[in-house]
């Protein structure tokens, strides 16, 4: 099943297909979605219940990976941007609680409370 744009372009023997989004389903639930637009390209994987498991993204500014809790909330993100890389960890409610990354070519570690207040950081 192809969702989104139905604009196909055949190049050679039809080896090139241009679409905005391709959705693969099983029993009516998405299994993975490949989406392309002018701002972001993404591949999202889903479990049998249709909840997201992981998402790979590529943007003009960099690339990323997000992994989700079983409840559908985000759990961990890993980013590789022009300004540096980073890892963010979220609690089961999807609130950020820890980060490790780069700021102005220097390292940064931060621990947050569930309400978003800074508990500890270095430097």
N, C-alpha and C. Protein backbone atom coordinates (compact mmCIF):
# COMPACT_ATOMS: atom_id res chain seq x y z
N UNK A 1 0.85 -1.16 0.00
CA UNK A 1 0.00 0.00 0.00
C UNK A 1 0.90 1.23 0.00
N UNK A 2 0.63 2.16 -0.89
CA UNK A 2 1.36 3.41 -0.96
C UNK A 2 0.44 4.52 -0.51
N UNK A 3 0.87 5.29 0.49
CA UNK A 3 0.07 6.43 0.96
C UNK A 3 0.80 7.70 0.62
N UNK A 4 0.10 8.80 0.66
CA UNK A 4 0.71 10.08 0.34
C UNK A 4 0.66 10.31 -1.15
N UNK A 5 1.72 10.86 -1.67
CA UNK A 5 1.77 11.19 -3.09
C UNK A 5 1.77 9.92 -3.93
N UNK A 6 1.00 9.94 -5.00
CA UNK A 6 1.01 8.84 -5.95
C UNK A 6 1.90 9.17 -7.13
N UNK A 7 2.77 10.16 -6.98
CA UNK A 7 3.63 10.56 -8.08
C UNK A 7 4.78 9.58 -8.22
N UNK A 8 4.69 8.75 -9.23
CA UNK A 8 5.75 7.80 -9.52
C UNK A 8 6.52 8.29 -10.74
N UNK A 9 7.81 8.07 -10.75
CA UNK A 9 8.56 8.35 -11.96
C UNK A 9 9.41 7.14 -12.27
N UNK A 10 9.29 6.65 -13.45
CA UNK A 10 10.09 5.51 -13.86
C UNK A 10 11.35 5.98 -14.55
N UNK A 11 12.46 5.44 -14.17
CA UNK A 11 13.73 5.77 -14.79
C UNK A 11 14.36 4.45 -15.18
N UNK A 12 14.73 4.31 -16.42
CA UNK A 12 15.24 3.02 -16.89
C UNK A 12 14.10 2.03 -16.92
N UNK A 13 14.23 0.92 -16.23
CA UNK A 13 13.21 -0.11 -16.18
C UNK A 13 12.33 0.04 -14.94
N UNK A 14 11.97 1.26 -14.59
CA UNK A 14 11.12 1.48 -13.43
C UNK A 14 11.86 1.28 -12.12
N UNK A 15 13.16 1.46 -12.08
CA UNK A 15 13.94 1.24 -10.87
C UNK A 15 13.87 2.41 -9.90
N UNK A 16 13.44 3.56 -10.38
CA UNK A 16 13.32 4.72 -9.51
C UNK A 16 11.85 5.00 -9.27
N UNK A 17 11.45 5.07 -8.02
CA UNK A 17 10.08 5.38 -7.65
C UNK A 17 10.13 6.58 -6.72
N UNK A 18 9.41 7.64 -7.06
CA UNK A 18 9.38 8.82 -6.22
C UNK A 18 8.02 8.93 -5.54
N UNK A 19 8.01 8.81 -4.23
CA UNK A 19 6.80 8.94 -3.44
C UNK A 19 7.14 9.73 -2.19
N UNK A 20 6.14 10.28 -1.55
CA UNK A 20 6.36 11.01 -0.30
C UNK A 20 6.36 10.08 0.90
N UNK A 21 5.57 9.00 0.82
CA UNK A 21 5.47 8.10 1.96
C UNK A 21 5.05 6.72 1.50
N UNK A 22 5.71 5.70 2.04
CA UNK A 22 5.33 4.31 1.81
C UNK A 22 5.03 3.69 3.17
N UNK A 23 3.85 3.07 3.29
CA UNK A 23 3.44 2.46 4.55
C UNK A 23 3.29 0.95 4.33
N UNK A 24 4.02 0.18 5.10
CA UNK A 24 3.88 -1.27 5.08
C UNK A 24 3.05 -1.67 6.29
N UNK A 25 2.01 -2.45 6.06
CA UNK A 25 1.11 -2.81 7.14
C UNK A 25 0.97 -4.33 7.25
N UNK A 26 0.53 -4.75 8.44
CA UNK A 26 0.16 -6.13 8.69
C UNK A 26 -1.11 -6.09 9.52
N UNK A 27 -2.16 -6.74 9.08
CA UNK A 27 -3.45 -6.73 9.78
C UNK A 27 -3.95 -5.32 10.06
N UNK A 28 -3.70 -4.41 9.13
CA UNK A 28 -4.17 -3.04 9.27
C UNK A 28 -3.32 -2.13 10.12
N UNK A 29 -2.25 -2.67 10.73
CA UNK A 29 -1.36 -1.87 11.57
C UNK A 29 -0.08 -1.55 10.80
N UNK A 30 0.45 -0.33 10.94
CA UNK A 30 1.71 -0.03 10.27
C UNK A 30 2.85 -0.85 10.87
N UNK A 31 3.72 -1.35 10.03
CA UNK A 31 4.92 -2.06 10.47
C UNK A 31 6.13 -1.16 10.31
N UNK A 32 6.23 -0.51 9.15
CA UNK A 32 7.19 0.57 9.02
C UNK A 32 6.74 1.56 7.96
N UNK A 33 7.17 2.80 8.16
CA UNK A 33 6.83 3.88 7.25
C UNK A 33 8.12 4.54 6.80
N UNK A 34 8.26 4.68 5.51
CA UNK A 34 9.37 5.40 4.92
C UNK A 34 8.79 6.70 4.37
N UNK A 35 9.24 7.83 4.90
CA UNK A 35 8.69 9.12 4.51
C UNK A 35 9.81 10.05 4.04
N UNK A 36 9.53 10.79 2.98
CA UNK A 36 10.49 11.71 2.41
C UNK A 36 9.78 13.02 2.15
N UNK A 37 10.35 14.12 2.66
CA UNK A 37 9.86 15.44 2.27
C UNK A 37 11.03 16.40 2.21
N UNK A 38 10.77 17.66 1.95
CA UNK A 38 11.87 18.61 1.76
C UNK A 38 12.64 18.92 3.03
N UNK A 39 12.07 18.67 4.20
CA UNK A 39 12.73 18.98 5.47
C UNK A 39 13.36 17.79 6.16
N UNK A 40 12.77 16.60 5.99
CA UNK A 40 13.23 15.44 6.75
C UNK A 40 12.89 14.15 6.02
N UNK A 41 13.82 13.22 6.06
CA UNK A 41 13.58 11.85 5.60
C UNK A 41 13.54 10.98 6.85
N UNK A 42 12.60 10.03 6.89
CA UNK A 42 12.47 9.22 8.11
C UNK A 42 12.03 7.80 7.78
N UNK A 43 12.51 6.89 8.58
CA UNK A 43 12.07 5.50 8.57
C UNK A 43 11.62 5.18 9.99
N UNK A 44 10.34 4.86 10.15
CA UNK A 44 9.78 4.57 11.47
C UNK A 44 9.32 3.12 11.52
N UNK A 45 9.74 2.41 12.57
CA UNK A 45 9.36 1.01 12.77
C UNK A 45 8.32 0.93 13.88
N UNK A 46 7.36 0.00 13.74
CA UNK A 46 6.26 -0.15 14.69
C UNK A 46 6.16 -1.59 15.17
N UNK A 47 5.59 -1.78 16.37
CA UNK A 47 5.32 -3.13 16.85
C UNK A 47 3.98 -3.62 16.30
N UNK A 48 3.58 -4.82 16.68
CA UNK A 48 2.36 -5.42 16.14
C UNK A 48 1.10 -4.66 16.54
N UNK A 49 1.17 -3.83 17.58
CA UNK A 49 0.02 -3.04 18.01
C UNK A 49 -0.04 -1.66 17.37
N UNK A 50 0.94 -1.35 16.52
CA UNK A 50 0.96 -0.05 15.87
C UNK A 50 1.66 1.04 16.67
N UNK A 51 2.34 0.68 17.76
CA UNK A 51 3.09 1.66 18.54
C UNK A 51 4.50 1.79 17.97
N UNK A 52 5.07 2.99 17.95
CA UNK A 52 6.41 3.15 17.40
C UNK A 52 7.47 2.44 18.25
N UNK A 53 8.46 1.86 17.57
CA UNK A 53 9.59 1.22 18.23
C UNK A 53 10.83 2.08 18.07
N UNK A 54 11.11 2.50 16.83
CA UNK A 54 12.31 3.29 16.54
C UNK A 54 12.08 4.14 15.31
N UNK A 55 12.82 5.24 15.25
CA UNK A 55 12.74 6.12 14.09
C UNK A 55 14.13 6.62 13.73
N UNK A 56 14.48 6.48 12.47
CA UNK A 56 15.73 7.01 11.94
C UNK A 56 15.37 8.24 11.13
N UNK A 57 16.10 9.35 11.34
CA UNK A 57 15.81 10.57 10.60
C UNK A 57 17.08 11.14 9.98
N UNK A 58 16.89 11.85 8.89
CA UNK A 58 17.98 12.58 8.23
C UNK A 58 17.43 13.94 7.84
N UNK A 59 18.13 14.99 8.28
CA UNK A 59 17.74 16.35 7.94
C UNK A 59 18.95 17.09 7.39
N UNK A 60 18.73 18.30 6.98
CA UNK A 60 19.82 19.13 6.49
C UNK A 60 20.84 19.40 7.60
N UNK A 61 20.39 19.43 8.85
CA UNK A 61 21.26 19.73 9.99
C UNK A 61 21.96 18.51 10.57
N UNK A 62 21.51 17.29 10.22
CA UNK A 62 22.14 16.10 10.76
C UNK A 62 21.20 14.92 10.78
N UNK A 63 21.62 13.88 11.49
CA UNK A 63 20.88 12.62 11.53
C UNK A 63 20.53 12.25 12.95
N UNK A 64 19.53 11.38 13.10
CA UNK A 64 19.12 10.99 14.43
C UNK A 64 18.47 9.63 14.49
N UNK A 65 18.40 9.12 15.70
CA UNK A 65 17.75 7.86 15.99
C UNK A 65 16.95 8.06 17.27
N UNK A 66 15.70 7.65 17.26
CA UNK A 66 14.85 7.70 18.45
C UNK A 66 14.35 6.28 18.73
N UNK A 67 14.40 5.88 20.00
CA UNK A 67 13.89 4.58 20.42
C UNK A 67 12.78 4.85 21.43
N UNK A 68 11.69 4.07 21.33
CA UNK A 68 10.49 4.32 22.13
C UNK A 68 10.27 3.26 23.19
N UNK A 69 9.67 3.68 24.33
CA UNK A 69 9.19 2.76 25.35
C UNK A 69 8.04 1.94 24.77
N UNK A 70 7.70 0.84 25.41
CA UNK A 70 6.56 0.02 24.98
C UNK A 70 5.25 0.81 25.03
N UNK A 71 5.18 1.86 25.87
CA UNK A 71 3.94 2.65 25.96
C UNK A 71 3.82 3.70 24.85
N UNK A 72 4.80 3.74 23.94
CA UNK A 72 4.75 4.67 22.82
C UNK A 72 5.46 5.98 23.04
N UNK A 73 5.88 6.27 24.28
CA UNK A 73 6.64 7.49 24.55
C UNK A 73 8.10 7.29 24.18
N UNK A 74 8.74 8.38 23.83
CA UNK A 74 10.14 8.33 23.46
C UNK A 74 10.99 7.94 24.66
N UNK A 75 12.04 7.14 24.43
CA UNK A 75 12.90 6.64 25.50
C UNK A 75 14.32 7.20 25.39
N UNK A 76 14.90 7.15 24.20
CA UNK A 76 16.27 7.60 23.97
C UNK A 76 16.36 8.23 22.59
N UNK A 77 17.13 9.32 22.49
CA UNK A 77 17.46 9.87 21.18
C UNK A 77 18.98 9.96 21.06
N UNK A 78 19.46 9.71 19.87
CA UNK A 78 20.86 9.89 19.54
C UNK A 78 20.90 10.79 18.32
N UNK A 79 21.69 11.85 18.40
CA UNK A 79 21.74 12.79 17.28
C UNK A 79 23.18 13.02 16.85
N UNK A 80 23.34 13.24 15.56
CA UNK A 80 24.62 13.59 14.97
C UNK A 80 24.38 14.83 14.12
N UNK A 81 24.67 15.99 14.68
CA UNK A 81 24.40 17.26 14.03
C UNK A 81 25.70 17.94 13.62
N UNK A 82 25.60 18.98 12.83
CA UNK A 82 26.79 19.72 12.42
C UNK A 82 27.54 20.27 13.63
N UNK A 83 26.82 20.63 14.68
CA UNK A 83 27.44 21.22 15.87
C UNK A 83 27.96 20.17 16.85
N UNK A 84 27.71 18.90 16.60
CA UNK A 84 28.18 17.83 17.48
C UNK A 84 27.12 16.77 17.68
N UNK A 85 27.42 15.81 18.53
CA UNK A 85 26.51 14.71 18.79
C UNK A 85 25.90 14.80 20.16
N UNK A 86 24.84 14.00 20.36
CA UNK A 86 24.20 14.01 21.66
C UNK A 86 23.34 12.79 21.89
N UNK A 87 23.15 12.49 23.16
CA UNK A 87 22.27 11.42 23.59
C UNK A 87 21.34 12.00 24.65
N UNK A 88 20.05 11.76 24.50
CA UNK A 88 19.07 12.22 25.48
C UNK A 88 18.28 11.00 25.95
N UNK A 89 18.11 10.88 27.28
CA UNK A 89 17.36 9.77 27.87
C UNK A 89 16.09 10.34 28.50
N UNK A 90 14.96 9.66 28.29
CA UNK A 90 13.66 10.11 28.76
C UNK A 90 13.08 9.09 29.73
N UNK A 91 12.25 9.54 30.68
CA UNK A 91 11.57 8.58 31.55
C UNK A 91 10.37 7.99 30.80
N UNK A 92 9.64 7.09 31.43
CA UNK A 92 8.54 6.41 30.72
C UNK A 92 7.39 7.35 30.36
N UNK A 93 7.37 8.55 30.96
CA UNK A 93 6.37 9.55 30.60
C UNK A 93 6.81 10.41 29.42
N UNK A 94 8.01 10.14 28.89
CA UNK A 94 8.51 10.89 27.76
C UNK A 94 9.17 12.21 28.12
N UNK A 95 9.51 12.39 29.39
CA UNK A 95 10.17 13.63 29.83
C UNK A 95 11.67 13.41 29.90
N UNK A 96 12.48 14.36 29.39
CA UNK A 96 13.93 14.18 29.41
C UNK A 96 14.47 14.18 30.84
N UNK A 97 15.38 13.23 31.13
CA UNK A 97 15.96 13.15 32.47
C UNK A 97 17.48 13.17 32.46
N UNK A 98 18.11 12.91 31.31
CA UNK A 98 19.57 12.93 31.25
C UNK A 98 20.01 13.21 29.82
N UNK A 99 21.15 13.92 29.71
CA UNK A 99 21.70 14.17 28.38
C UNK A 99 23.22 14.15 28.43
N UNK A 100 23.80 13.76 27.32
CA UNK A 100 25.24 13.74 27.12
C UNK A 100 25.46 14.27 25.72
N UNK A 101 26.30 15.28 25.59
CA UNK A 101 26.49 15.82 24.26
C UNK A 101 27.60 16.83 24.19
N UNK A 102 27.61 17.55 23.08
CA UNK A 102 28.61 18.58 22.86
C UNK A 102 27.93 19.94 22.77
N UNK A 103 28.60 20.94 23.34
CA UNK A 103 28.17 22.33 23.24
C UNK A 103 29.42 23.14 22.93
N UNK A 104 29.41 23.82 21.80
CA UNK A 104 30.58 24.63 21.39
C UNK A 104 31.88 23.83 21.46
N UNK A 105 31.87 22.62 20.91
CA UNK A 105 33.03 21.73 20.86
C UNK A 105 33.51 21.27 22.23
N UNK A 106 32.70 21.40 23.26
CA UNK A 106 33.03 20.94 24.60
C UNK A 106 31.99 19.91 25.02
N UNK A 107 32.31 19.08 25.98
CA UNK A 107 31.38 18.07 26.46
C UNK A 107 30.42 18.62 27.49
N UNK A 108 29.25 17.98 27.57
CA UNK A 108 28.24 18.38 28.55
C UNK A 108 27.49 17.14 29.01
N UNK A 109 27.30 17.02 30.31
CA UNK A 109 26.45 15.98 30.90
C UNK A 109 25.45 16.69 31.79
N UNK A 110 24.19 16.32 31.71
CA UNK A 110 23.17 16.95 32.56
C UNK A 110 22.18 15.90 33.03
N UNK A 111 21.78 16.01 34.31
CA UNK A 111 20.75 15.16 34.90
C UNK A 111 19.60 16.09 35.30
N UNK A 112 18.38 15.74 34.87
CA UNK A 112 17.20 16.56 35.15
C UNK A 112 16.22 15.81 36.03
N UNK A 113 15.40 16.57 36.74
CA UNK A 113 14.30 15.96 37.49
C UNK A 113 13.15 15.69 36.51
N UNK A 114 12.16 14.89 36.90
CA UNK A 114 11.02 14.65 36.03
C UNK A 114 10.24 15.92 35.67
N UNK A 115 10.43 16.98 36.44
CA UNK A 115 9.76 18.25 36.13
C UNK A 115 10.63 19.16 35.27
N UNK A 116 11.83 18.67 34.88
CA UNK A 116 12.69 19.45 34.00
C UNK A 116 13.71 20.32 34.69
N UNK A 117 13.76 20.27 36.04
CA UNK A 117 14.74 21.07 36.76
C UNK A 117 16.10 20.41 36.73
N UNK A 118 17.15 21.20 36.54
CA UNK A 118 18.51 20.70 36.50
C UNK A 118 18.92 20.22 37.89
N UNK A 119 19.32 18.95 37.98
CA UNK A 119 19.80 18.38 39.25
C UNK A 119 21.32 18.43 39.33
N UNK A 120 21.99 18.16 38.20
CA UNK A 120 23.44 18.11 38.19
C UNK A 120 23.90 18.28 36.75
N UNK A 121 25.05 18.93 36.56
CA UNK A 121 25.62 19.03 35.22
C UNK A 121 27.13 19.20 35.31
N UNK A 122 27.81 18.86 34.24
CA UNK A 122 29.24 19.09 34.11
C UNK A 122 29.51 19.39 32.65
N UNK A 123 30.28 20.33 32.30
CA UNK A 123 31.02 21.22 33.18
C UNK A 123 30.12 22.23 33.84
